[in-house]
Structures are given as C-alpha cells and as structure tokens.
Protein backbone atom coordinates (compact mmCIF):
# COMPACT_ATOMS: atom_id res chain seq x y z
CA MET A 1 -37.59 -67.52 12.81
CA LYS A 2 -36.24 -70.88 11.73
CA ALA A 3 -38.51 -73.90 11.71
CA VAL A 4 -37.42 -76.16 15.22
CA SER A 5 -37.60 -79.88 15.07
CA PRO A 6 -40.59 -81.48 17.21
CA ILE A 7 -38.19 -83.45 18.99
CA THR A 8 -36.02 -80.43 19.98
CA VAL A 9 -39.00 -78.77 21.24
CA PHE A 10 -39.78 -81.77 23.05
CA LEU A 11 -36.08 -81.89 24.53
CA ALA A 12 -36.14 -78.45 25.71
CA ALA A 13 -39.31 -78.92 27.15
CA ALA A 14 -38.59 -82.09 29.03
CA VAL A 15 -35.53 -80.64 30.53
CA VAL A 16 -37.67 -77.64 31.84
CA SER A 17 -40.59 -79.37 33.03
CA PHE A 18 -37.59 -82.00 34.87
CA CYS A 19 -38.04 -80.18 38.23
CA THR A 20 -39.92 -77.56 39.59
CA ALA A 21 -37.25 -75.52 40.56
CA PRO A 22 -34.70 -76.14 37.86
CA SER A 23 -30.92 -74.65 38.55
CA ALA A 24 -29.44 -72.26 36.16
CA ALA A 25 -27.41 -74.95 34.47
CA GLU A 26 -30.93 -76.53 33.62
CA ASN A 27 -32.30 -73.46 32.49
CA SER A 28 -29.39 -72.78 30.16
CA ALA A 29 -29.46 -76.42 29.06
CA ALA A 30 -33.22 -75.80 28.06
CA CYS A 31 -32.24 -72.83 25.82
CA LEU A 32 -29.15 -74.02 24.13
CA ALA A 33 -31.28 -77.01 23.34
CA CYS A 34 -32.63 -74.55 20.42
CA HIS A 35 -30.06 -71.87 20.68
CA GLY A 36 -27.11 -74.14 20.25
CA ASP A 37 -28.22 -74.80 16.58
CA ALA A 38 -25.55 -72.20 14.53
CA THR A 39 -27.87 -71.71 12.07
CA LEU A 40 -30.86 -70.29 13.83
CA GLN A 41 -32.19 -67.15 13.07
CA ASP A 42 -34.99 -64.60 14.02
CA ALA A 43 -37.60 -63.49 11.60
CA SER A 44 -35.40 -60.39 10.46
CA GLY A 45 -32.60 -63.09 9.55
CA HIS A 46 -30.48 -62.31 12.23
CA SER A 47 -28.52 -64.81 13.98
CA ILE A 48 -29.61 -65.81 17.41
CA ALA A 49 -27.75 -69.02 17.73
CA VAL A 50 -25.57 -69.09 20.96
CA ASP A 51 -22.07 -71.08 21.38
CA GLY A 52 -22.61 -73.03 24.21
CA SER A 53 -18.90 -73.93 25.10
CA LYS A 54 -18.29 -70.04 25.09
CA PHE A 55 -21.24 -69.38 27.05
CA HIS A 56 -20.18 -71.74 29.82
CA SER A 57 -16.43 -70.36 29.81
CA SER A 58 -17.74 -66.94 29.69
CA ILE A 59 -18.06 -64.64 32.99
CA HIS A 60 -21.92 -65.21 32.73
CA GLY A 61 -21.76 -69.16 32.16
CA SER A 62 -22.87 -69.81 35.58
CA LEU A 63 -25.89 -67.79 35.38
CA ASP A 64 -29.55 -68.63 34.56
CA CYS A 65 -30.46 -67.19 30.88
CA THR A 66 -33.43 -65.26 32.40
CA ASN A 67 -31.49 -63.32 34.81
CA CYS A 68 -30.52 -61.38 31.85
CA HIS A 69 -33.70 -62.17 29.58
CA VAL A 70 -36.14 -61.30 32.33
CA SER A 71 -39.16 -60.77 30.06
CA ILE A 72 -38.66 -64.77 29.01
CA LYS A 73 -40.98 -66.61 31.33
CA GLY A 74 -40.99 -70.09 29.64
CA TYR A 75 -41.24 -71.85 26.32
CA PRO A 76 -41.96 -71.16 23.51
CA HIS A 77 -41.32 -67.39 23.87
CA PRO A 78 -42.03 -64.36 21.44
CA ASP A 79 -39.90 -63.71 18.89
CA LYS A 80 -39.44 -60.44 20.14
CA VAL A 81 -38.22 -60.33 23.62
CA THR A 82 -37.53 -57.49 25.82
CA PRO A 83 -33.72 -55.93 25.07
CA VAL A 84 -31.30 -56.83 28.09
CA GLN A 85 -30.29 -54.42 30.82
CA CYS A 86 -26.73 -54.56 31.62
CA SER A 87 -27.24 -52.09 34.18
CA THR A 88 -29.49 -54.45 36.44
CA CYS A 89 -25.89 -55.79 37.40
CA HIS A 90 -23.59 -53.47 36.63
CA ALA A 91 -25.24 -50.02 38.05
CA ASP A 92 -21.72 -48.51 38.62
CA GLU A 93 -20.56 -49.03 35.31
CA ALA A 94 -23.92 -47.71 33.54
CA SER A 95 -23.79 -44.96 35.84
CA GLY A 96 -20.32 -43.73 34.34
CA LEU A 97 -21.00 -44.59 30.98
CA ALA A 98 -24.35 -42.33 31.05
CA GLY A 99 -22.09 -39.44 31.97
CA SER A 100 -19.46 -40.47 29.64
CA VAL A 101 -18.70 -39.26 25.70
CA HIS A 102 -20.30 -42.79 24.82
CA ALA A 103 -23.50 -41.92 26.27
CA ASP A 104 -25.30 -41.29 23.20
CA GLY A 105 -26.36 -44.63 23.25
CA ALA A 106 -24.43 -45.60 19.95
CA GLN A 107 -22.02 -47.56 22.26
CA GLN A 108 -23.51 -50.54 23.91
CA CYS A 109 -21.72 -52.55 26.17
CA THR A 110 -21.55 -55.44 23.37
CA ASN A 111 -19.47 -53.12 21.31
CA CYS A 112 -16.60 -53.15 23.70
CA HIS A 113 -17.09 -56.26 25.37
CA GLY A 114 -17.88 -58.60 22.29
CA SER A 115 -20.67 -60.89 22.45
CA ALA A 116 -22.89 -61.18 25.47
CA HIS A 117 -22.79 -64.54 25.36
CA ALA A 118 -18.87 -64.84 25.19
CA ILE A 119 -17.77 -62.28 27.77
CA TYR A 120 -14.57 -62.97 29.58
CA PRO A 121 -12.95 -61.33 32.70
CA LYS A 122 -10.44 -58.64 31.67
CA THR A 123 -7.58 -60.71 33.08
CA ASP A 124 -8.82 -63.35 30.27
CA PRO A 125 -6.61 -62.86 27.32
CA ARG A 126 -9.73 -64.04 25.13
CA SER A 127 -11.15 -60.66 26.59
CA THR A 128 -11.64 -57.76 24.40
CA VAL A 129 -10.82 -55.72 27.33
CA TYR A 130 -7.55 -57.39 28.15
CA PRO A 131 -4.77 -54.90 27.86
CA LEU A 132 -2.97 -56.50 25.03
CA ASN A 133 -6.52 -56.46 23.22
CA ILE A 134 -7.82 -53.24 24.08
CA PRO A 135 -6.26 -51.04 21.66
CA ARG A 136 -7.46 -52.99 18.82
CA THR A 137 -10.94 -52.77 20.46
CA CYS A 138 -10.72 -49.16 21.03
CA GLY A 139 -9.50 -48.95 17.41
CA SER A 140 -12.60 -50.38 15.81
CA CYS A 141 -14.06 -47.05 16.13
CA HIS A 142 -11.15 -44.84 16.71
CA GLY A 143 -9.64 -45.69 13.46
CA LYS A 144 -9.29 -44.56 9.89
CA ASP A 145 -12.00 -46.70 8.99
CA GLY A 146 -14.32 -46.30 12.19
CA LEU A 147 -16.55 -43.82 13.76
CA ALA A 148 -13.78 -41.51 13.52
CA GLY A 149 -13.71 -41.08 9.99
CA LYS A 150 -17.50 -40.95 9.59
CA HIS A 151 -17.63 -38.10 12.57
CA GLY A 152 -14.49 -36.20 11.50
CA LEU A 153 -12.63 -37.54 14.82
CA PRO A 154 -9.02 -37.93 14.66
CA SER A 155 -7.80 -41.28 13.95
CA VAL A 156 -5.76 -42.03 16.80
CA TYR A 157 -5.26 -45.98 16.77
CA PRO A 158 -2.53 -45.97 14.03
CA HIS A 159 -0.59 -43.32 15.83
CA TYR A 160 -0.78 -45.19 18.94
CA LEU A 161 0.38 -48.64 17.53
CA ASP A 162 3.70 -46.83 16.17
CA SER A 163 4.00 -45.26 19.37
CA ILE A 164 6.50 -46.43 22.28
CA HIS A 165 3.60 -47.43 24.27
CA GLY A 166 1.89 -49.32 21.40
CA MET A 167 5.25 -51.00 20.27
CA ALA A 168 5.71 -52.11 23.98
CA LEU A 169 2.46 -53.49 24.18
CA SER A 170 2.06 -55.11 20.75
CA LYS A 171 5.57 -56.40 19.86
CA GLU A 172 7.06 -57.10 23.39
CA GLY A 173 3.55 -58.09 25.17
CA LEU A 174 4.23 -55.75 28.16
CA LEU A 175 1.09 -55.49 30.11
CA VAL A 176 2.08 -52.72 31.84
CA ALA A 177 2.42 -50.32 28.79
CA ALA A 178 0.06 -47.62 28.77
CA ASN A 179 -2.92 -48.39 26.68
CA CYS A 180 -6.33 -46.40 25.77
CA GLN A 181 -7.77 -47.61 29.37
CA SER A 182 -4.89 -46.31 31.39
CA CYS A 183 -5.19 -42.32 30.22
CA HIS A 184 -9.01 -42.43 29.33
CA GLY A 185 -10.54 -44.71 31.85
CA SER A 186 -13.13 -47.53 31.07
CA HIS A 187 -16.70 -46.40 31.37
CA HIS A 188 -16.44 -42.54 32.90
CA ILE A 189 -14.47 -41.42 29.63
CA LEU A 190 -14.61 -37.77 29.54
CA SER A 191 -13.65 -34.91 26.77
CA HIS A 192 -10.29 -33.66 27.18
CA THR A 193 -11.94 -30.46 27.69
CA ASN A 194 -13.99 -31.57 30.98
CA PRO A 195 -12.06 -30.67 34.02
CA GLU A 196 -12.95 -34.08 35.58
CA SER A 197 -11.09 -36.06 32.68
CA PRO A 198 -7.63 -37.30 33.34
CA THR A 199 -6.55 -35.86 29.69
CA TYR A 200 -7.61 -32.67 30.88
CA LYS A 201 -4.51 -30.31 30.65
CA THR A 202 -4.20 -30.11 34.14
CA ASN A 203 -4.57 -33.48 35.26
CA ILE A 204 -2.21 -35.14 32.52
CA PRO A 205 1.13 -34.85 34.78
CA LYS A 206 -0.74 -36.76 37.52
CA THR A 207 -2.40 -39.38 34.57
CA CYS A 208 1.33 -39.76 33.22
CA GLY A 209 2.76 -40.04 36.44
CA SER A 210 0.72 -43.12 37.41
CA CYS A 211 3.40 -44.86 35.30
CA HIS A 212 6.33 -42.30 35.26
CA ALA A 213 6.39 -41.06 38.96
CA GLY A 214 9.98 -39.99 38.90
CA ILE A 215 9.68 -37.74 35.79
CA THR A 216 6.70 -36.06 37.02
CA ALA A 217 8.11 -35.46 40.56
CA SER A 218 11.06 -33.90 38.24
CA TYR A 219 8.68 -32.12 35.97
CA LYS A 220 6.99 -30.16 38.88
CA SER A 221 10.02 -29.24 40.51
CA GLY A 222 10.85 -27.39 37.46
CA VAL A 223 9.68 -23.94 36.03
CA HIS A 224 6.70 -25.60 33.77
CA GLY A 225 5.37 -27.93 36.67
CA LYS A 226 5.44 -24.66 39.18
CA THR A 227 3.71 -22.52 36.24
CA LEU A 228 0.82 -24.69 35.79
CA ALA A 229 0.41 -25.41 39.36
CA ALA A 230 0.03 -21.49 39.65
CA GLY A 231 -2.77 -21.84 37.38
CA ASN A 232 -1.02 -21.13 34.28
CA LEU A 233 -2.80 -23.22 31.28
CA LYS A 234 -0.26 -21.84 28.64
CA ALA A 235 2.25 -23.99 30.42
CA PRO A 236 3.52 -27.22 28.75
CA VAL A 237 2.58 -30.71 30.03
CA CYS A 238 3.55 -34.01 28.69
CA THR A 239 1.20 -34.16 25.86
CA ASP A 240 2.51 -30.57 24.59
CA CYS A 241 6.27 -32.00 24.18
CA HIS A 242 5.60 -35.84 23.58
CA THR A 243 1.88 -35.63 21.82
CA ALA A 244 -0.80 -37.66 23.28
CA HIS A 245 -0.84 -41.01 20.82
CA ALA A 246 2.10 -40.57 18.83
CA ILE A 247 4.67 -40.82 21.39
CA VAL A 248 8.55 -41.79 20.39
CA GLU A 249 11.52 -42.86 22.24
CA PRO A 250 13.13 -39.47 23.30
CA THR A 251 16.39 -41.17 21.95
CA GLU A 252 15.24 -41.65 18.93
CA ALA A 253 16.59 -39.54 15.97
CA GLU A 254 13.02 -38.56 14.96
CA PHE A 255 12.12 -37.16 18.65
CA ARG A 256 15.66 -35.37 18.82
CA ASN A 257 15.08 -33.76 15.40
CA GLN A 258 11.44 -32.49 16.24
CA SER A 259 12.15 -31.20 19.70
CA THR A 260 13.72 -27.98 19.35
CA PRO A 261 10.67 -26.72 17.17
CA ILE A 262 8.61 -27.81 19.88
CA CYS A 263 10.16 -25.93 22.54
CA GLY A 264 10.60 -22.98 19.99
CA SER A 265 6.76 -23.06 19.45
CA CYS A 266 6.62 -21.36 23.01
CA HIS A 267 9.88 -19.65 23.16
CA LYS A 268 9.90 -17.89 19.70
CA GLU A 269 12.79 -15.58 20.12
CA GLN A 270 15.11 -18.51 21.78
CA PHE A 271 14.51 -20.63 18.75
CA PHE A 272 14.78 -17.64 16.66
CA THR A 273 18.61 -17.03 17.95
CA TYR A 274 19.26 -20.90 18.38
CA ARG A 275 18.74 -21.33 14.35
CA ASP A 276 21.74 -18.67 13.90
CA THR A 277 24.06 -20.81 16.05
CA PHE A 278 26.73 -23.61 15.25
CA HIS A 279 24.54 -26.14 17.19
CA SER A 280 21.43 -25.56 14.90
CA GLN A 281 23.10 -25.40 11.86
CA LEU A 282 25.03 -28.45 12.22
CA GLY A 283 21.81 -30.36 12.98
CA ALA A 284 19.99 -28.68 10.00
CA LEU A 285 22.46 -28.68 7.40
CA GLY A 286 24.81 -31.48 8.38
CA GLY A 287 21.80 -33.92 9.74
CA TYR A 288 24.17 -34.49 12.81
CA VAL A 289 21.77 -36.17 15.14
CA GLU A 290 23.62 -35.57 18.47
CA THR A 291 23.95 -31.89 18.25
CA ALA A 292 22.96 -29.92 21.41
CA ARG A 293 19.19 -29.44 21.49
CA CYS A 294 17.40 -27.24 23.91
CA TRP A 295 17.23 -29.84 26.53
CA ASP A 296 20.54 -31.14 26.68
CA CYS A 297 21.31 -27.67 27.97
CA HIS A 298 18.51 -26.91 30.10
CA ARG A 299 17.22 -30.76 30.98
CA ALA A 300 13.62 -31.94 30.13
CA HIS A 301 12.04 -31.86 33.04
CA ASP A 302 13.40 -30.36 36.02
CA ILE A 303 13.92 -27.19 33.96
CA LEU A 304 15.04 -24.09 35.78
CA PRO A 305 15.83 -20.61 35.35
CA ALA A 306 19.34 -19.08 34.77
CA SER A 307 19.06 -17.53 37.98
CA ASP A 308 18.51 -20.67 40.10
CA PRO A 309 21.73 -21.89 41.58
CA ALA A 310 20.52 -25.19 40.88
CA SER A 311 19.84 -24.95 37.16
CA THR A 312 22.18 -26.48 34.73
CA VAL A 313 22.46 -23.07 32.78
CA ALA A 314 23.35 -20.90 35.79
CA PRO A 315 26.69 -19.27 35.45
CA ARG A 316 28.43 -21.62 38.05
CA ASN A 317 27.18 -24.75 36.03
CA LEU A 318 27.73 -23.90 32.83
CA VAL A 319 31.31 -25.48 32.82
CA LYS A 320 29.80 -28.88 33.55
CA THR A 321 26.94 -28.44 31.76
CA CYS A 322 28.89 -27.71 28.37
CA GLY A 323 31.38 -30.28 29.63
CA ARG A 324 29.39 -33.05 28.75
CA CYS A 325 29.82 -32.60 25.25
CA HIS A 326 32.84 -30.76 25.16
CA ALA A 327 35.57 -32.11 27.38
CA ASP A 328 37.84 -28.94 27.35
CA ALA A 329 35.14 -26.88 28.15
CA ASN A 330 37.00 -24.16 30.72
CA ALA A 331 35.39 -20.55 32.06
CA SER A 332 36.51 -18.94 28.70
CA PHE A 333 34.85 -21.85 26.68
CA VAL A 334 31.14 -21.06 28.42
CA GLN A 335 31.28 -17.18 27.77
CA TYR A 336 29.88 -18.59 24.08
CA GLN A 337 26.26 -17.05 23.61
CA PRO A 338 24.10 -19.75 22.36
CA HIS A 339 21.14 -17.03 22.39
CA ALA A 340 23.07 -13.84 21.10
CA ASN A 341 21.00 -11.90 18.92
CA ALA A 342 22.84 -10.21 15.98
CA TYR A 343 19.80 -8.12 15.31
CA ASN A 344 19.36 -6.56 18.58
CA ARG A 345 22.07 -3.68 19.33
CA LYS A 346 20.88 -3.35 23.03
CA LEU A 347 21.28 -7.02 23.82
CA SER A 348 24.27 -7.98 21.68
CA PRO A 349 25.98 -4.59 20.48
CA GLY A 350 29.50 -6.39 19.23
CA LEU A 351 27.74 -8.93 17.63
CA TYR A 352 25.12 -6.61 16.09
CA TYR A 353 27.83 -4.56 14.62
CA ILE A 354 29.99 -7.23 13.32
CA ARG A 355 27.03 -8.50 11.33
CA LEU A 356 26.28 -4.99 10.05
CA PHE A 357 29.99 -4.91 8.76
CA MET A 358 29.64 -8.09 7.26
CA ASN A 359 26.77 -7.39 5.53
CA LEU A 360 28.18 -3.79 4.14
CA LEU A 361 31.32 -5.73 3.19
CA LEU A 362 28.91 -8.49 1.33
CA VAL A 363 26.62 -5.68 -0.34
CA SER A 364 29.93 -3.45 -1.32
CA VAL A 365 32.03 -6.36 -2.70
CA LEU A 366 28.93 -7.96 -4.72
CA THR A 367 28.09 -4.16 -5.80
CA PHE A 368 31.56 -3.69 -7.10
CA PHE A 369 31.71 -6.65 -8.93
CA LEU A 370 28.33 -6.10 -10.42
CA ILE A 371 29.62 -2.63 -11.50
CA HIS A 372 32.76 -3.98 -12.53
CA THR A 373 31.21 -6.49 -14.77
CA ILE A 374 28.64 -4.29 -16.40
CA LEU A 375 31.28 -1.94 -17.51
CA TRP A 376 33.55 -5.09 -18.92
CA LEU A 377 30.79 -5.83 -20.83
CA ILE A 378 30.03 -2.28 -22.31
CA ARG A 379 33.75 -1.95 -23.06
CA SER A 380 33.86 -5.55 -24.90
CA ARG A 381 30.86 -4.39 -27.00
CA TYR A 382 32.16 -1.18 -27.85
CA HIS A 383 35.72 -2.77 -29.02
CA GLN A 384 33.47 -5.25 -30.71
CA VAL A 385 31.41 -2.72 -32.65
CA LYS A 386 34.49 -0.65 -33.77
CA GLU A 387 36.27 -3.94 -34.80
CA ASN A 388 33.37 -5.00 -37.07
CA ALA A 389 33.29 -1.14 -38.27
CA ALA A 390 37.41 -1.24 -39.50
CA GLU A 391 36.89 -4.42 -41.10
CA GLY A 392 33.94 -3.25 -43.24
CA GLU A 393 36.20 -0.09 -44.32
CA LYS A 394 39.16 -2.41 -45.22
CA ASP A 395 36.84 -4.53 -47.38
CA ALA A 396 35.37 -1.55 -48.91
C-alpha cells in the first residue's frame, strides 16, 4: 500500500477517537482522510481511492463505511478486507440475480451500477441504470466488443440503437421508450427459453402490451393471437414479425419491403402465388414501396379468416378493402384473385390452361424461329460454297 503521511494518520485517528460513538458522517470522514487521496493504491497496484464528493452525493452517502465493510473494526486495517456483500441490504435483488442468466458470478453488482462509492438512484441522470443510460450499460457486455463476442452471443446493442426504440430514447430523449430493462427485467433476467421469462414466446404479447396495449388487444382478437392462446407455439408473436431488437417504423420502406417475405416464411403457398401478381412485381421490379403488401389487405394485428364476416377479406368487405387504394373498385373489380395459382388445375382451371397455352405458344414460336435460323444458316453456307466453287472454275 502507498505510504500515508503521519499527519494524515493522526488526523484520521483524531476523527475516529473524537467521541465514543462517532456518527456515520464522522466515520466516513475518518476513512476519507486516507482514501480521499486519488493516488492511493493497494499492494497489488489497484486504486482504493474514493471521490468524497461523489460518495456523499450517492445513494450510499448517508451510510457509515463499516455498514458495508463490516470486517473493518478500526484503523489501521489489513490490506485485504472481506468483500462487501450487497445482499446484506439488497436481499430481494440478490435472490433474483441468483436465479438469473447472470448468476454465474461474472456479473457483479458494480458491473451494472458502477462504482460502489458513486451509485445514484435510477431516477438520477448520473446513474448507470437511468433509462437513457441503460442501453449503454447493457451494451458494454452485449455489444460486439463485449462478452457477446467472447462467448458467441448475438451482438444486440448496435441493432437496438438503430431501432425505433433506440432512436426514440437516444435521439429524442423519450424516457418512456422501451429499453433493455423494459423487456428483460433488471435482476431476475431469464433466458428466452424459460417459460417464466417475459421474453418467452407465449409471454411476449403481454410484455410488448405493457406499452402497446391497443395493438396487443387487436392481436389477441386476431387469428394469430387466438392460435397462440390455444397453445400452438408456431403462431407468430410480435418478435416474429418485428424482430426483438432491430425494430423499424412499419411505415418505412425498409419494413414494407421485408414484410411480405416475413409473412411468407409461414404462409409459403400464399407467398408463392403473391409473387406472380402485379402487386408483387410492381414492388420487386419497379421498386414501388406503396404497392399492396399482405397486411394492407389482411390487416397487421387483428387478422381474421375470410370466412369471418368481420374480416377485411370477407367477400362483402372486399370493395371497401380494395377501395382504399383503388377508388373505382366495384363488385366486378374484386373478382380479381390475388392468390390464384396458375400451376394448380383444380384451384384455378382457367388460369392453368391459359398459362399452359401461353407456354406452348412461346415454346412453339421460339422453336420455329430456331429451326428457321438453323436452316437459313445451312442455306447461306450452301450458297457461299457454291459461289466459291464457280469462281474457282472461272479463274481456271
């Protein structure tokens, strides 16, 4: 340990012995008489200095140092002291942490809350767990340069920052925007594979619904929500369509362009037939963002089967649904089949034979011109050889 001057020792001892029952402030002052030296180090070269101004303004500023450092009975004390047990005061938090994904011991309280002598309430902007600071705190491990990279975990921090939640928090300063803690909790953080986790599949609608109550109600009334409630884990939840961290604004081109393949990951046949339609080709080839996607017709959350009278694609509602984009839509207009399958004779016999006829016509025309071209080349070569022979006889 760095040598401490006799004057400093004297002052510390004087403060400690000033009265038989020193107050917390007096004990702290006695400790800071030594530990207030910014250059103070232990035998291993680690700093054991304490910033007095930060300590006194912290949430622990009113405590006696020995409330946490219980093995210290007076001065001088040993170089090595018993580690502080935060669970002595924070039993509930410690219990939650013990059963969490961070229970391996690598994540100490100070990894998230910062220096033990400068911990501030979560409502204080200086706190590492203040809503605006939580992503950066979690990102120190869950970023590409943190433990995520070392242990093969996904690096989610950069995706969150670019998401609608991250932008609202970091750019707009909206404290109500979802941060890591909003979805995962604080101490009792569980794996998404644990049924008790707020990020377990069946719990995700409730977790997202804590902010998006209206949308969650719509989802639960739709076919996806009802299927999930029936116990079918194949039913999509919020994160299946919006992802968990890289969530973008649904009206942005990026989301609209990727929304149809997302639906198609489950509805493969409908996606296959949609790709042959004018709507799909206009978007894929022409880059037109506003072309109709799945949720423009079926809605996004309160999706109902066509057999339900309340469905937007129920026969009696088609004119209204198509009329949102096509003002002149009428009963004849909605006879259009958005998912007609030209390869299925039973489902779409007319379209099947039209496709077959057009393909046969195309093959016939191409075959005819291929044969015509080959014969033309043969005839051209024949005349060329004949003319060369005639010129040779003439010259002879």
